[in-house]
Amino acid sequence: MEFGKKLQRLREKAGKSRYELSKLSGLDQAFIGRLETGEKNPSRNTVIRLGIALVHGNTEVSQYDIDELLMSAEFAPLSK
């Protein structure tokens, strides 16, 4: 699955809006929208920031999901 679709799916699974994800990650809401639509490609650091924000206060999203998000952006997972 491509990164943008994966990010959107995980954000929805976490029950967070783009606005909430923006506040938790420190990333611009419009930038998150461009990531979700595939207009922008993230850095590894950006994916990790988003992953931490998705997990924050949520039991629906796990490290496994974050590893999948990293791999969808063609980065190595956190776990081996």
Protein backbone atom coordinates (compact mmCIF):
# COMPACT_ATOMS: atom_id res chain seq x y z
CA MET A 1 0.00 0.00 0.00
CA GLU A 2 1.35 3.42 -0.85
CA PHE A 3 2.37 5.72 1.99
CA GLY A 4 -0.41 8.33 1.65
CA LYS A 5 -3.21 5.79 1.73
CA LYS A 6 -1.56 3.96 4.62
CA LEU A 7 -1.22 7.20 6.58
CA GLN A 8 -4.86 8.11 6.01
CA ARG A 9 -6.02 4.62 6.99
CA LEU A 10 -3.99 4.69 10.22
CA ARG A 11 -5.16 8.22 11.04
CA GLU A 12 -8.77 7.12 10.66
CA LYS A 13 -8.09 3.92 12.63
CA ALA A 14 -6.70 6.11 15.43
CA GLY A 15 -9.82 8.28 15.27
CA LYS A 16 -7.81 11.44 14.65
CA SER A 17 -8.51 14.31 12.29
CA ARG A 18 -5.75 15.91 10.25
CA TYR A 19 -5.97 18.84 12.65
CA GLU A 20 -5.40 16.59 15.69
CA LEU A 21 -2.55 14.78 13.97
CA SER A 22 -1.03 18.15 13.10
CA LYS A 23 -1.14 19.33 16.70
CA LEU A 24 0.34 16.08 18.05
CA SER A 25 3.08 15.78 15.42
CA GLY A 26 4.00 19.44 15.07
CA LEU A 27 3.52 19.16 11.31
CA ASP A 28 1.36 21.49 9.24
CA GLN A 29 -2.17 20.22 8.61
CA ALA A 30 -1.92 21.06 4.89
CA PHE A 31 1.39 19.17 4.67
CA ILE A 32 -0.29 16.10 6.20
CA GLY A 33 -3.00 16.42 3.55
CA ARG A 34 -0.37 16.54 0.80
CA LEU A 35 1.29 13.44 2.27
CA GLU A 36 -2.05 11.61 2.26
CA THR A 37 -2.76 12.52 -1.36
CA GLY A 38 0.75 11.55 -2.46
CA GLU A 39 1.76 15.07 -3.48
CA LYS A 40 4.69 15.01 -1.02
CA ASN A 41 7.09 12.32 0.13
CA PRO A 42 8.06 12.18 3.81
CA SER A 43 11.47 11.95 5.40
CA ARG A 44 12.09 9.10 7.86
CA ASN A 45 11.92 11.62 10.71
CA THR A 46 8.53 12.85 9.49
CA VAL A 47 7.16 9.29 9.38
CA ILE A 48 8.38 8.65 12.93
CA ARG A 49 6.82 11.91 14.17
CA LEU A 50 3.52 10.92 12.57
CA GLY A 51 3.78 7.43 14.04
CA ILE A 52 4.33 8.76 17.56
CA ALA A 53 1.38 11.12 17.12
CA LEU A 54 -0.84 8.28 15.89
CA VAL A 55 0.03 6.07 18.86
CA HIS A 56 -0.42 8.92 21.37
CA GLY A 57 -3.42 8.16 23.59
CA ASN A 58 -4.57 5.35 21.34
CA THR A 59 -4.60 1.59 21.69
CA GLU A 60 -5.84 0.93 18.15
CA VAL A 61 -2.49 1.76 16.53
CA SER A 62 0.60 -0.28 17.44
CA GLN A 63 4.31 -0.35 16.67
CA TYR A 64 3.48 -2.92 14.00
CA ASP A 65 1.35 -0.28 12.25
CA ILE A 66 4.17 2.25 12.50
CA ASP A 67 6.61 -0.26 11.01
CA GLU A 68 4.20 -0.77 8.10
CA LEU A 69 3.96 3.00 7.66
CA LEU A 70 7.76 3.26 7.56
CA MET A 71 8.05 0.43 5.06
CA SER A 72 5.34 1.95 2.84
CA ALA A 73 7.58 5.04 2.61
CA GLU A 74 10.51 2.73 1.76
CA PHE A 75 12.29 3.09 5.12
CA ALA A 76 13.48 0.34 7.42
CA PRO A 77 11.09 -0.58 10.25
CA LEU A 78 11.83 0.25 13.89
CA SER A 79 11.77 -3.41 14.94
CA LYS A 80 13.89 -6.12 13.39
